[in-house]
Amino acid sequence: MSGVNCGGPTRETVKVNFFDLSGHESFKDIRTDFYEGARGVLLCYDATSQESFKQLQTQWMWEARSHGLNFSQDGAIGIVCANKCDLLPSVSSQRQVSKMEGQSFAQENGFYYFELSASTGDQVVQAFNLLFEKIALRVKAERGEALLNVGVT
């Protein structure tokens, strides 16, 4: 990314620290440090696995909230991503979590929702752009700065 345009004639450069908090149990103890000061999360599940979706609903949401992330209107930005969506059109029987189920969960928790493919890259950039744009808007609002158009490049 070259910067974030938060309105006005100039592009602002913002520092983004982004961490993959591996779901493996052996990394649980070190993950806690990365929640501190987090402004947003991108929570992914495998659309071909009901178990993956259940873990997102229970383990990952609980872990994020227990480490102080608040997803209220003025809290952290959350995005739920259904992954492996490139596999679904060709073999519809592989899908175990419906789009409606994923969207409903996201909406109930105040999250945005994306269906994407890490394999093909479809919708990945859009999900990250939305996360960073919303965080940039939130930071500007906290500073009391004027909000115009925001775009990430």
C-alpha atoms as a PDB file:
ATOM      1  CA  MET A   1       0.000   0.000   0.000  1.00  0.00           C
ATOM      2  CA  SER A   2       1.247   3.419  -0.829  1.00  0.00           C
ATOM      3  CA  GLY A   3      -0.996   5.322   1.508  1.00  0.00           C
ATOM      4  CA  VAL A   4      -4.488   6.075   2.668  1.00  0.00           C
ATOM      5  CA  ASN A   5      -6.491   8.933   1.210  1.00  0.00           C
ATOM      6  CA  CYS A   6      -8.653  10.269   4.008  1.00  0.00           C
ATOM      7  CA  GLY A   7      -9.973  13.169   1.984  1.00  0.00           C
ATOM      8  CA  GLY A   8      -8.322  16.317   0.809  1.00  0.00           C
ATOM      9  CA  PRO A   9      -5.536  16.809  -1.725  1.00  0.00           C
ATOM     10  CA  THR A  10      -2.844  14.721  -0.025  1.00  0.00           C
ATOM     11  CA  ARG A  11      -2.402  11.047   0.604  1.00  0.00           C
ATOM     12  CA  GLU A  12      -1.459  10.099   4.138  1.00  0.00           C
ATOM     13  CA  THR A  13       0.934   7.281   4.829  1.00  0.00           C
ATOM     14  CA  VAL A  14      -0.170   5.141   7.721  1.00  0.00           C
ATOM     15  CA  LYS A  15       1.683   2.366   9.470  1.00  0.00           C
ATOM     16  CA  VAL A  16      -0.185  -0.916   9.537  1.00  0.00           C
ATOM     17  CA  ASN A  17       0.882  -3.862  11.641  1.00  0.00           C
ATOM     18  CA  PHE A  18      -0.967  -6.917  10.495  1.00  0.00           C
ATOM     19  CA  PHE A  19      -0.509 -10.309  12.149  1.00  0.00           C
ATOM     20  CA  ASP A  20      -1.701 -13.781  11.250  1.00  0.00           C
ATOM     21  CA  LEU A  21      -2.631 -15.241  14.641  1.00  0.00           C
ATOM     22  CA  SER A  22      -2.295 -18.867  13.638  1.00  0.00           C
ATOM     23  CA  GLY A  23      -5.134 -21.031  14.854  1.00  0.00           C
ATOM     24  CA  HIS A  24      -2.848 -23.765  16.068  1.00  0.00           C
ATOM     25  CA  GLU A  25      -3.188 -24.346  19.821  1.00  0.00           C
ATOM     26  CA  SER A  26       0.588 -24.161  20.379  1.00  0.00           C
ATOM     27  CA  PHE A  27       0.513 -20.435  19.471  1.00  0.00           C
ATOM     28  CA  LYS A  28      -2.302 -19.534  21.879  1.00  0.00           C
ATOM     29  CA  ASP A  29      -0.051 -18.029  24.561  1.00  0.00           C
ATOM     30  CA  ILE A  30       1.790 -15.688  22.198  1.00  0.00           C
ATOM     31  CA  ARG A  31      -1.367 -14.521  20.418  1.00  0.00           C
ATOM     32  CA  THR A  32      -2.533 -12.532  23.438  1.00  0.00           C
ATOM     33  CA  ASP A  33       0.139  -9.857  22.965  1.00  0.00           C
ATOM     34  CA  PHE A  34      -1.095  -9.044  19.486  1.00  0.00           C
ATOM     35  CA  TYR A  35      -4.613  -8.143  20.582  1.00  0.00           C
ATOM     36  CA  GLU A  36      -3.427  -5.175  22.643  1.00  0.00           C
ATOM     37  CA  GLY A  37      -4.187  -1.931  20.820  1.00  0.00           C
ATOM     38  CA  ALA A  38      -5.765  -3.721  17.850  1.00  0.00           C
ATOM     39  CA  ARG A  39      -8.127  -1.529  15.842  1.00  0.00           C
ATOM     40  CA  GLY A  40      -9.606  -4.281  13.751  1.00  0.00           C
ATOM     41  CA  VAL A  41      -9.723  -7.965  12.954  1.00  0.00           C
ATOM     42  CA  LEU A  42     -10.281 -10.051   9.898  1.00  0.00           C
ATOM     43  CA  LEU A  43     -11.721 -13.412  10.960  1.00  0.00           C
ATOM     44  CA  CYS A  44     -11.716 -16.151   8.329  1.00  0.00           C
ATOM     45  CA  TYR A  45     -13.409 -19.509   8.125  1.00  0.00           C
ATOM     46  CA  ASP A  46     -13.458 -22.274   5.550  1.00  0.00           C
ATOM     47  CA  ALA A  47     -16.836 -22.234   3.755  1.00  0.00           C
ATOM     48  CA  THR A  48     -16.442 -25.961   3.097  1.00  0.00           C
ATOM     49  CA  SER A  49     -16.149 -26.743   6.827  1.00  0.00           C
ATOM     50  CA  GLN A  50     -18.929 -26.316   9.380  1.00  0.00           C
ATOM     51  CA  GLU A  51     -16.345 -27.000  12.118  1.00  0.00           C
ATOM     52  CA  SER A  52     -14.243 -24.047  10.952  1.00  0.00           C
ATOM     53  CA  PHE A  53     -17.294 -21.774  11.145  1.00  0.00           C
ATOM     54  CA  LYS A  54     -18.152 -23.052  14.631  1.00  0.00           C
ATOM     55  CA  GLN A  55     -14.600 -22.267  15.799  1.00  0.00           C
ATOM     56  CA  LEU A  56     -14.935 -18.737  14.452  1.00  0.00           C
ATOM     57  CA  GLN A  57     -18.222 -18.285  16.303  1.00  0.00           C
ATOM     58  CA  THR A  58     -16.947 -19.622  19.598  1.00  0.00           C
ATOM     59  CA  GLN A  59     -13.162 -19.735  19.983  1.00  0.00           C
ATOM     60  CA  TRP A  60     -12.102 -16.757  17.864  1.00  0.00           C
ATOM     61  CA  MET A  61     -14.876 -14.361  18.867  1.00  0.00           C
ATOM     62  CA  TRP A  62     -14.418 -15.296  22.520  1.00  0.00           C
ATOM     63  CA  GLU A  63     -10.649 -14.898  22.323  1.00  0.00           C
ATOM     64  CA  ALA A  64     -10.845 -11.482  20.657  1.00  0.00           C
ATOM     65  CA  ARG A  65     -13.418 -10.186  23.133  1.00  0.00           C
ATOM     66  CA  SER A  66     -11.647 -11.658  26.154  1.00  0.00           C
ATOM     67  CA  HIS A  67      -8.546  -9.692  25.186  1.00  0.00           C
ATOM     68  CA  GLY A  68     -10.443  -6.419  25.157  1.00  0.00           C
ATOM     69  CA  LEU A  69     -11.647  -6.044  21.592  1.00  0.00           C
ATOM     70  CA  ASN A  70     -15.031  -4.363  21.558  1.00  0.00           C
ATOM     71  CA  PHE A  71     -16.943  -4.470  18.281  1.00  0.00           C
ATOM     72  CA  SER A  72     -19.519  -1.817  19.145  1.00  0.00           C
ATOM     73  CA  GLN A  73     -20.155   1.159  16.889  1.00  0.00           C
ATOM     74  CA  ASP A  74     -17.098   2.982  18.244  1.00  0.00           C
ATOM     75  CA  GLY A  75     -14.967  -0.119  18.863  1.00  0.00           C
ATOM     76  CA  ALA A  76     -12.788  -2.303  16.680  1.00  0.00           C
ATOM     77  CA  ILE A  77     -13.633  -2.947  13.034  1.00  0.00           C
ATOM     78  CA  GLY A  78     -14.480  -6.561  12.267  1.00  0.00           C
ATOM     79  CA  ILE A  79     -14.648  -8.407   8.976  1.00  0.00           C
ATOM     80  CA  VAL A  80     -15.796 -12.008   8.611  1.00  0.00           C
ATOM     81  CA  CYS A  81     -14.430 -13.783   5.544  1.00  0.00           C
ATOM     82  CA  ALA A  82     -15.714 -17.013   4.052  1.00  0.00           C
ATOM     83  CA  ASN A  83     -12.660 -18.573   2.388  1.00  0.00           C
ATOM     84  CA  LYS A  84     -12.369 -21.194  -0.377  1.00  0.00           C
ATOM     85  CA  CYS A  85     -15.270 -19.680  -2.289  1.00  0.00           C
ATOM     86  CA  ASP A  86     -13.453 -20.471  -5.543  1.00  0.00           C
ATOM     87  CA  LEU A  87     -14.266 -24.152  -4.936  1.00  0.00           C
ATOM     88  CA  LEU A  88     -17.973 -23.671  -4.393  1.00  0.00           C
ATOM     89  CA  PRO A  89     -19.467 -22.965  -7.843  1.00  0.00           C
ATOM     90  CA  SER A  90     -18.018 -26.140  -9.339  1.00  0.00           C
ATOM     91  CA  VAL A  91     -18.975 -28.456  -6.482  1.00  0.00           C
ATOM     92  CA  SER A  92     -21.926 -26.948  -4.617  1.00  0.00           C
ATOM     93  CA  SER A  93     -22.132 -29.997  -2.366  1.00  0.00           C
ATOM     94  CA  GLN A  94     -18.791 -28.962  -0.818  1.00  0.00           C
ATOM     95  CA  ARG A  95     -20.277 -25.882   0.805  1.00  0.00           C
ATOM     96  CA  GLN A  96     -21.153 -26.530   4.444  1.00  0.00           C
ATOM     97  CA  VAL A  97     -21.749 -22.924   5.527  1.00  0.00           C
ATOM     98  CA  SER A  98     -24.275 -20.975   3.463  1.00  0.00           C
ATOM     99  CA  LYS A  99     -23.660 -17.406   2.411  1.00  0.00           C
ATOM    100  CA  MET A 100     -26.756 -16.383   4.382  1.00  0.00           C
ATOM    101  CA  GLU A 101     -25.424 -18.091   7.521  1.00  0.00           C
ATOM    102  CA  GLY A 102     -22.104 -16.253   7.243  1.00  0.00           C
ATOM    103  CA  GLN A 103     -23.765 -12.919   6.494  1.00  0.00           C
ATOM    104  CA  SER A 104     -26.177 -13.314   9.406  1.00  0.00           C
ATOM    105  CA  PHE A 105     -23.364 -14.046  11.838  1.00  0.00           C
ATOM    106  CA  ALA A 106     -21.399 -11.031  10.590  1.00  0.00           C
ATOM    107  CA  GLN A 107     -24.419  -8.723  10.818  1.00  0.00           C
ATOM    108  CA  GLU A 108     -25.385  -9.913  14.314  1.00  0.00           C
ATOM    109  CA  ASN A 109     -21.883  -9.074  15.532  1.00  0.00           C
ATOM    110  CA  GLY A 110     -21.545  -5.744  13.709  1.00  0.00           C
ATOM    111  CA  PHE A 111     -19.005  -7.112  11.225  1.00  0.00           C
ATOM    112  CA  TYR A 112     -18.645  -6.669   7.495  1.00  0.00           C
ATOM    113  CA  TYR A 113     -18.770  -9.822   5.346  1.00  0.00           C
ATOM    114  CA  PHE A 114     -16.768 -11.056   2.358  1.00  0.00           C
ATOM    115  CA  GLU A 115     -16.700 -14.257   0.362  1.00  0.00           C
ATOM    116  CA  LEU A 116     -13.206 -14.707  -0.967  1.00  0.00           C
ATOM    117  CA  SER A 117     -10.515 -17.074  -2.156  1.00  0.00           C
ATOM    118  CA  ALA A 118      -7.031 -17.003  -0.717  1.00  0.00           C
ATOM    119  CA  SER A 119      -6.041 -19.335  -3.558  1.00  0.00           C
ATOM    120  CA  THR A 120      -7.137 -17.088  -6.438  1.00  0.00           C
ATOM    121  CA  GLY A 121      -6.992 -13.773  -4.561  1.00  0.00           C
ATOM    122  CA  ASP A 122     -10.614 -12.987  -5.401  1.00  0.00           C
ATOM    123  CA  GLN A 123     -11.951 -10.311  -3.001  1.00  0.00           C
ATOM    124  CA  VAL A 124      -8.855 -10.469  -0.738  1.00  0.00           C
ATOM    125  CA  VAL A 125      -7.632  -6.967  -1.612  1.00  0.00           C
ATOM    126  CA  GLN A 126     -11.160  -5.604  -1.214  1.00  0.00           C
ATOM    127  CA  ALA A 127     -11.470  -7.088   2.287  1.00  0.00           C
ATOM    128  CA  PHE A 128      -8.158  -5.609   3.414  1.00  0.00           C
ATOM    129  CA  ASN A 129      -8.947  -2.258   1.787  1.00  0.00           C
ATOM    130  CA  LEU A 130     -12.256  -2.030   3.634  1.00  0.00           C
ATOM    131  CA  LEU A 131     -10.605  -2.914   6.944  1.00  0.00           C
ATOM    132  CA  PHE A 132      -7.884  -0.281   6.536  1.00  0.00           C
ATOM    133  CA  GLU A 133     -10.285   2.383   5.234  1.00  0.00           C
ATOM    134  CA  LYS A 134     -12.671   1.939   8.165  1.00  0.00           C
ATOM    135  CA  ILE A 135      -9.816   2.045  10.667  1.00  0.00           C
ATOM    136  CA  ALA A 136      -8.396   5.199   9.032  1.00  0.00           C
ATOM    137  CA  LEU A 137     -11.817   6.858   9.243  1.00  0.00           C
ATOM    138  CA  ARG A 138     -12.149   5.866  12.905  1.00  0.00           C
ATOM    139  CA  VAL A 139      -8.701   7.262  13.758  1.00  0.00           C
ATOM    140  CA  LYS A 140      -9.452  10.553  12.007  1.00  0.00           C
ATOM    141  CA  ALA A 141     -12.777  10.822  13.841  1.00  0.00           C
ATOM    142  CA  GLU A 142     -11.034  10.217  17.171  1.00  0.00           C
ATOM    143  CA  ARG A 143      -8.615  13.026  16.347  1.00  0.00           C
ATOM    144  CA  GLY A 144     -11.506  15.305  15.469  1.00  0.00           C
ATOM    145  CA  GLU A 145     -10.257  15.706  11.901  1.00  0.00           C
ATOM    146  CA  ALA A 146     -12.596  16.372   9.012  1.00  0.00           C
ATOM    147  CA  LEU A 147     -13.825  13.285   7.220  1.00  0.00           C
ATOM    148  CA  LEU A 148     -14.193  13.344   3.480  1.00  0.00           C
ATOM    149  CA  ASN A 149     -13.606  10.480   1.059  1.00  0.00           C
ATOM    150  CA  VAL A 150     -11.331   7.645   2.082  1.00  0.00           C
ATOM    151  CA  GLY A 151      -9.527   5.344  -0.315  1.00  0.00           C
ATOM    152  CA  VAL A 152      -6.657   2.912   0.011  1.00  0.00           C
ATOM    153  CA  THR A 153      -4.145   2.257  -2.750  1.00  0.00           C
END
